[in-house]
Protein backbone atom coordinates (compact mmCIF):
# COMPACT_ATOMS: atom_id res chain seq x y z
CA MET A 1 -10.64 9.73 70.62
CA SER A 2 -7.33 8.51 69.21
CA GLU A 3 -4.04 9.95 70.38
CA LEU A 4 -0.45 9.99 69.17
CA ARG A 5 2.30 8.87 71.53
CA LYS A 6 6.01 9.38 70.94
CA ASP A 7 8.66 6.74 71.59
CA PRO A 8 11.46 8.68 73.39
CA ILE A 9 14.13 6.26 72.13
CA THR A 10 13.48 6.23 68.38
CA ASP A 11 11.35 9.42 68.01
CA ARG A 12 8.70 7.25 66.34
CA TRP A 13 5.08 8.33 66.82
CA VAL A 14 2.46 5.63 67.45
CA ILE A 15 -1.29 6.09 66.95
CA VAL A 16 -3.25 4.60 69.83
CA SER A 17 -6.70 4.18 68.28
CA THR A 18 -9.32 2.78 70.63
CA GLU A 19 -12.09 3.15 68.03
CA ARG A 20 -10.39 0.85 65.56
CA GLY A 21 -10.10 -1.73 68.32
CA LYS A 22 -13.89 -2.05 68.19
CA ARG A 23 -13.77 -3.59 64.73
CA PRO A 24 -14.69 -7.28 64.85
CA SER A 25 -12.67 -7.82 61.66
CA ASP A 26 -9.50 -7.06 63.62
CA PHE A 27 -9.81 -10.44 65.32
CA ALA A 28 -11.62 -12.55 62.70
CA PRO A 29 -10.46 -14.04 59.39
CA VAL A 30 -11.14 -11.84 56.36
CA PRO A 31 -12.92 -13.64 53.50
CA PRO A 32 -11.19 -13.71 50.11
CA PRO A 33 -12.47 -11.39 47.36
CA GLY A 34 -15.96 -12.33 46.30
CA LYS A 35 -19.56 -11.22 46.68
CA VAL A 36 -20.76 -11.02 50.28
CA ALA A 37 -24.27 -10.67 51.61
CA LEU A 38 -23.89 -6.97 52.34
CA CYS A 39 -20.88 -4.92 51.30
CA PRO A 40 -21.12 -1.24 52.28
CA PHE A 41 -18.87 -0.27 49.34
CA CYS A 42 -21.13 -1.87 46.72
CA TYR A 43 -23.35 -0.06 44.23
CA GLY A 44 -26.77 0.54 45.76
CA TYR A 45 -25.54 0.50 49.37
CA GLU A 46 -24.39 4.13 49.47
CA GLY A 47 -26.36 4.71 52.68
CA LYS A 48 -24.22 2.12 54.51
CA THR A 49 -21.13 4.37 54.44
CA PRO A 50 -20.57 7.80 55.99
CA PRO A 51 -21.63 10.61 53.59
CA GLU A 52 -19.27 11.00 50.65
CA ILE A 53 -16.61 13.73 50.75
CA PHE A 54 -15.84 13.62 47.04
CA CYS A 55 -17.35 11.69 44.18
CA ILE A 56 -17.00 11.26 40.43
CA ARG A 57 -20.49 10.41 39.21
CA GLU A 58 -22.86 10.67 36.29
CA PRO A 59 -24.24 14.21 35.70
CA GLY A 60 -27.55 14.82 37.40
CA THR A 61 -27.20 12.10 40.05
CA ALA A 62 -27.53 13.08 43.70
CA PRO A 63 -24.81 12.60 46.32
CA ASN A 64 -24.85 9.31 48.23
CA THR A 65 -27.00 7.60 45.59
CA LYS A 66 -26.34 5.39 42.57
CA GLY A 67 -24.63 6.80 39.49
CA TRP A 68 -21.07 7.00 40.83
CA HIS A 69 -17.75 5.86 39.40
CA VAL A 70 -15.43 6.64 42.35
CA ARG A 71 -16.51 7.60 45.87
CA VAL A 72 -14.44 9.01 48.74
CA VAL A 73 -15.90 8.63 52.23
CA PRO A 74 -14.55 9.01 55.78
CA ASN A 75 -13.31 5.76 57.26
CA LYS A 76 -16.02 4.45 59.57
CA PHE A 77 -13.35 3.41 62.09
CA PRO A 78 -10.74 6.16 61.61
CA ALA A 79 -7.23 6.05 62.96
CA LEU A 80 -7.39 9.86 63.18
CA ARG A 81 -10.20 12.45 63.00
CA VAL A 82 -10.39 15.90 61.43
CA GLU A 83 -12.73 17.17 64.15
CA GLY A 84 -11.19 18.73 67.23
CA THR A 85 -8.16 20.78 68.14
CA LEU A 86 -4.53 19.78 67.99
CA GLU A 87 -3.28 19.63 71.57
CA ARG A 88 0.19 18.56 72.70
CA GLU A 89 0.91 17.36 76.21
CA GLY A 90 3.84 16.10 78.24
CA ILE A 91 3.33 13.29 80.72
CA GLY A 92 6.55 13.14 82.69
CA MET A 93 9.25 12.23 80.15
CA PHE A 94 6.67 11.18 77.57
CA ASP A 95 4.96 13.25 74.83
CA LYS A 96 1.56 12.82 73.29
CA MET A 97 -0.91 14.80 71.18
CA SER A 98 -4.55 14.54 70.26
CA GLY A 99 -5.43 12.25 67.37
CA ILE A 100 -6.10 14.95 64.81
CA GLY A 101 -5.77 14.01 61.16
CA ALA A 102 -7.82 12.56 58.33
CA HIS A 103 -8.63 8.98 57.38
CA GLU A 104 -10.55 8.49 54.14
CA VAL A 105 -11.49 5.55 51.94
CA ILE A 106 -11.40 5.75 48.15
CA ILE A 107 -13.95 3.24 46.81
CA GLU A 108 -12.43 2.63 43.41
CA HIS A 109 -15.22 0.95 41.45
CA PRO A 110 -18.94 0.10 41.85
CA THR A 111 -18.41 -3.60 40.99
CA HIS A 112 -17.50 -5.74 43.98
CA GLU A 113 -15.64 -8.49 42.12
CA LYS A 114 -13.37 -6.23 40.05
CA ARG A 115 -9.72 -6.03 41.10
CA PHE A 116 -7.34 -3.21 40.24
CA TRP A 117 -5.72 -5.19 37.42
CA ASP A 118 -9.18 -5.52 35.80
CA TYR A 119 -9.72 -1.76 35.53
CA THR A 120 -9.46 0.17 32.29
CA VAL A 121 -7.03 3.06 31.96
CA THR A 122 -10.01 5.46 32.07
CA GLU A 123 -11.22 3.95 35.35
CA ILE A 124 -7.77 4.31 36.90
CA GLU A 125 -7.60 7.93 35.69
CA ARG A 126 -10.74 8.63 37.73
CA ILE A 127 -9.11 7.14 40.82
CA ILE A 128 -6.01 9.28 40.25
CA GLU A 129 -8.24 12.36 39.96
CA ALA A 130 -9.86 11.50 43.31
CA TYR A 131 -6.39 11.20 44.88
CA ILE A 132 -5.40 14.61 43.53
CA GLN A 133 -8.59 16.35 44.62
CA ARG A 134 -8.43 15.01 48.17
CA SER A 135 -4.70 15.72 48.49
CA THR A 136 -5.20 19.30 47.30
CA ASP A 137 -8.08 19.88 49.70
CA LEU A 138 -6.37 18.41 52.79
CA LYS A 139 -3.18 20.39 52.16
CA LYS A 140 -5.19 23.50 53.09
CA ASP A 141 -5.48 22.27 56.69
CA PHE A 142 -2.56 23.89 58.53
CA ARG A 143 -2.67 21.18 61.24
CA LEU A 144 -1.73 18.39 58.82
CA ARG A 145 1.93 17.91 57.89
CA HIS A 146 1.96 14.69 55.93
CA LEU A 147 -0.48 12.79 53.72
CA LEU A 148 -0.11 9.17 52.64
CA ILE A 149 -2.19 7.40 49.99
CA PHE A 150 -1.94 3.62 50.06
CA LYS A 151 -3.68 0.45 48.92
CA ASN A 152 -3.98 -2.89 50.74
CA GLU A 153 -4.97 -5.73 48.41
CA GLY A 154 -5.88 -8.90 50.29
CA ASP A 155 -6.26 -9.79 53.93
CA GLN A 156 -2.53 -10.52 54.41
CA ALA A 157 -1.85 -7.01 53.12
CA GLY A 158 -4.22 -5.49 55.69
CA ALA A 159 -7.49 -5.14 53.74
CA SER A 160 -10.51 -5.52 56.03
CA LEU A 161 -13.06 -5.45 53.19
CA ALA A 162 -12.77 -7.40 49.94
CA HIS A 163 -14.26 -4.66 47.73
CA SER A 164 -11.27 -3.00 46.03
CA HIS A 165 -10.42 0.31 47.66
CA SER A 166 -7.51 2.48 48.71
CA GLN A 167 -7.03 4.80 51.66
CA LEU A 168 -5.66 8.18 52.63
CA ILE A 169 -4.32 9.11 56.05
CA ALA A 170 -3.11 12.62 56.88
CA THR A 171 -1.11 13.11 60.09
CA PRO A 172 -0.12 16.13 62.21
CA VAL A 173 3.52 14.96 62.22
CA VAL A 174 5.90 13.71 59.56
CA PRO A 175 6.28 9.95 60.22
CA LYS A 176 9.70 8.53 61.06
CA ARG A 177 9.88 6.36 57.93
CA VAL A 178 9.15 9.42 55.78
CA ARG A 179 11.61 11.55 57.75
CA GLU A 180 14.37 9.03 57.11
CA GLU A 181 13.70 9.20 53.38
CA LEU A 182 13.61 13.01 53.45
CA ASP A 183 16.92 13.11 55.34
CA GLY A 184 18.48 10.73 52.82
CA VAL A 185 17.49 12.75 49.77
CA ALA A 186 18.55 15.98 51.52
CA ARG A 187 22.05 14.59 52.21
CA TYR A 188 22.43 13.48 48.60
CA TYR A 189 21.22 16.85 47.29
CA ALA A 190 23.55 18.77 49.62
CA TYR A 191 26.53 16.77 48.35
CA LYS A 192 25.76 16.55 44.62
CA GLU A 193 23.14 19.29 44.07
CA ARG A 194 21.04 16.72 42.24
CA CYS A 195 17.93 14.70 43.07
CA VAL A 196 18.81 11.12 44.04
CA PHE A 197 15.61 9.80 42.45
CA CYS A 198 16.48 11.52 39.17
CA ASP A 199 19.92 9.92 39.30
CA ILE A 200 18.47 6.49 40.09
CA LEU A 201 15.99 6.83 37.25
CA ARG A 202 18.72 7.85 34.82
CA GLU A 203 20.85 4.87 35.88
CA GLU A 204 18.01 2.35 35.69
CA ARG A 205 17.03 3.55 32.22
CA ARG A 206 20.65 3.50 31.05
CA PHE A 207 21.23 -0.13 32.06
CA GLY A 208 17.66 -1.33 31.61
CA GLU A 209 18.08 -4.68 33.38
CA ARG A 210 15.68 -3.78 36.19
CA VAL A 211 13.14 -1.83 34.09
CA VAL A 212 9.68 -3.42 33.97
CA PHE A 213 7.74 -0.86 31.92
CA GLU A 214 8.01 2.72 30.75
CA ASN A 215 6.18 5.28 28.67
CA ASP A 216 6.93 8.93 27.89
CA HIS A 217 6.24 10.08 31.46
CA PHE A 218 6.83 7.19 33.89
CA THR A 219 9.26 4.31 34.44
CA ALA A 220 8.51 1.20 36.50
CA PHE A 221 11.50 -0.77 37.77
CA CYS A 222 12.59 -3.18 40.50
CA PRO A 223 14.97 -1.10 42.66
CA PHE A 224 18.61 -2.15 43.02
CA ALA A 225 18.27 -2.67 46.79
CA SER A 226 14.78 -4.21 46.73
CA ARG A 227 13.63 -5.12 50.22
CA PHE A 228 11.06 -7.63 49.00
CA PRO A 229 10.81 -10.01 46.03
CA PHE A 230 9.23 -8.28 43.01
CA GLU A 231 9.13 -4.90 44.78
CA THR A 232 8.46 -2.38 42.00
CA TRP A 233 8.61 1.42 41.95
CA ILE A 234 6.85 3.75 39.54
CA VAL A 235 8.76 7.03 39.23
CA PRO A 236 7.79 10.10 37.14
CA ARG A 237 10.39 11.14 34.58
CA ILE A 238 9.64 14.81 35.31
CA HIS A 239 11.06 15.96 38.65
CA ARG A 240 8.31 17.03 41.02
CA ALA A 241 8.15 16.85 44.80
CA GLU A 242 4.37 16.64 45.19
CA PHE A 243 1.97 14.15 43.65
CA ALA A 244 -0.86 16.71 43.67
CA SER A 245 1.10 18.82 41.14
CA LEU A 246 0.52 16.11 38.50
CA GLU A 247 -0.53 17.73 35.22
CA SER A 248 -3.57 16.69 33.20
CA ARG A 249 -1.40 15.29 30.41
CA GLU A 250 0.32 12.97 32.90
CA LYS A 251 -2.82 11.30 34.30
CA ASN A 252 -3.32 8.92 31.39
CA PRO A 253 0.35 7.80 31.32
CA LEU A 254 0.30 7.25 35.10
CA ALA A 255 -2.89 5.20 34.80
CA GLU A 256 -1.24 3.17 32.03
CA ALA A 257 1.90 2.61 34.11
CA LEU A 258 -0.09 1.54 37.18
CA ARG A 259 -2.39 -0.76 35.23
CA THR A 260 0.42 -2.39 33.26
CA THR A 261 2.65 -2.93 36.30
CA VAL A 262 -0.11 -4.39 38.48
CA ARG A 263 -1.29 -6.62 35.62
CA LYS A 264 2.26 -7.90 35.11
CA LEU A 265 2.54 -8.70 38.82
CA ASN A 266 -0.85 -10.42 38.73
CA GLU A 267 0.07 -12.57 35.74
CA ALA A 268 3.55 -13.42 36.94
CA LEU A 269 2.62 -14.20 40.55
CA ASN A 270 -0.88 -15.65 40.14
CA GLY A 271 -2.85 -12.82 41.76
CA PRO A 272 -0.63 -11.82 44.68
CA GLN A 273 -1.74 -9.83 47.66
CA TYR A 274 0.13 -6.55 47.77
CA ASN A 275 0.46 -3.04 49.17
CA TRP A 276 1.31 0.09 47.36
CA ILE A 277 2.32 3.38 48.92
CA LEU A 278 2.33 6.78 47.24
CA HIS A 279 5.21 8.87 48.62
CA SER A 280 4.86 12.64 48.26
CA ALA A 281 6.60 15.59 49.89
CA PRO A 282 5.12 16.79 53.20
CA SER A 283 3.05 19.92 53.57
CA LYS A 284 4.85 23.28 53.54
CA SER A 285 3.75 23.66 57.16
CA ASP A 286 6.62 21.32 58.05
CA GLY A 287 8.84 24.40 58.03
CA ARG A 288 10.20 24.36 54.51
CA ASP A 289 8.88 26.41 51.61
CA ARG A 290 10.29 24.09 48.95
CA TRP A 291 11.19 20.44 48.58
CA GLU A 292 13.46 20.73 45.54
CA ASP A 293 15.41 17.65 46.63
CA TYR A 294 12.38 15.30 46.80
CA HIS A 295 10.73 13.28 44.00
CA TRP A 296 7.27 11.72 44.46
CA HIS A 297 6.87 8.06 43.53
CA ILE A 298 4.82 4.89 44.09
CA GLU A 299 6.19 1.74 45.75
CA ILE A 300 4.38 -1.56 45.04
CA ILE A 301 5.18 -4.44 47.41
CA PRO A 302 3.79 -7.94 46.75
CA ARG A 303 3.24 -9.87 49.98
CA LEU A 304 5.31 -12.93 49.15
CA THR A 305 7.52 -13.19 52.24
CA LYS A 306 6.98 -12.39 55.90
CA ILE A 307 8.87 -10.00 58.11
CA ALA A 308 10.21 -12.00 61.05
CA GLY A 309 12.44 -11.52 64.08
CA PHE A 310 15.66 -10.67 62.25
CA GLU A 311 13.96 -7.95 60.17
CA TRP A 312 12.17 -6.44 63.17
CA GLY A 313 15.29 -6.57 65.28
CA THR A 314 17.76 -5.12 62.78
CA GLY A 315 15.91 -3.22 60.07
CA PHE A 316 17.59 -5.47 57.49
CA TYR A 317 15.46 -7.19 54.88
CA ILE A 318 16.21 -10.58 53.33
CA ASN A 319 15.10 -10.71 49.68
CA PRO A 320 15.33 -14.18 48.09
CA THR A 321 14.75 -12.90 44.53
CA PRO A 322 17.34 -10.62 42.89
CA PRO A 323 15.61 -7.57 41.38
CA GLU A 324 17.28 -8.28 38.03
CA ASP A 325 15.55 -11.68 37.90
CA ALA A 326 12.23 -10.18 39.00
CA ALA A 327 12.39 -7.44 36.38
CA ARG A 328 13.35 -9.92 33.66
CA TYR A 329 10.37 -12.08 34.52
CA LEU A 330 7.94 -9.15 34.71
CA SER A 331 9.23 -7.69 31.45
CA GLU A 332 8.19 -10.75 29.50
CA GLU A 333 5.12 -10.14 27.39
CA GLU A 334 3.24 -12.95 29.08
CA GLY A 335 3.88 -13.98 32.67
CA THR A 336 2.80 -17.59 33.10
CA GLY A 337 3.16 -19.92 36.00
CA SER A 338 4.52 -18.99 39.40
CA VAL A 339 7.89 -18.07 40.76
CA GLY A 340 9.31 -19.95 43.72
CA ILE A 341 9.64 -17.79 46.83
CA THR A 342 11.23 -19.14 49.99
């Protein structure tokens, strides 16, 4: 079973997952998107995955059979498992705990060759609904303190299967990267009694030079201090801490914002590999009843540059493309050609 180990210097938790080390794909090249002889995520191969946890399917069709639009299944090689008890242990000066959590795969579409930028708004709405349903259900588990939804598109972005999918990992601790963001928004709120994301959104909309797309509910923009070229955030205009509190009327606009932004990145950068991360407030079990200072959002990061020694050693990022230039390019109606990245 996996376990979590704590670095006593940085307070960063590390998942030591022996099961995932069994995956042959960890040490072999991953083929580019395209039809393979047997893809367990493909339509008709439902029996090749663990039994589905949640599914949006045609009425009258049985679980784990054809007729589905979006399927959610446990990861076959999970970083963390729901089964078991949460046990903490000290080993001399070191701390560890059992690898309790959840690791799920959201299979976004039955068609193997389709990429996210090919989806219709309706298809993306179904994916969003799956995210909400699983987030809502896992929040009931008192052992889990944080839940992250993310997507890896392409082998350089960490995808081990070419069939388009996203993932969900819930952890029994709030990760260090998330804690740093929570501390930052808390300091800003304590000083100004305002949400920093709301202020950023207001500023970006006022100037407009980094805005990529917006509708009545969401704004996509390249942040002022972008870490990576063409990094783009999608932020809701209505202040809410938790993604799962998304209202029905907001699902279509979010699907539109996601589809439009990813399509713009695809056109401008000739089908880049990318990650996106959905940041939402931790569970209330973290010791706070409210997260009035937090604002959920999505960060999309094209994989155009590599993190090297300087970045690992300092935490600084070197971005060769000013966000104003990236936003200007993405905002064009038609993105043609490629942009030089060094």
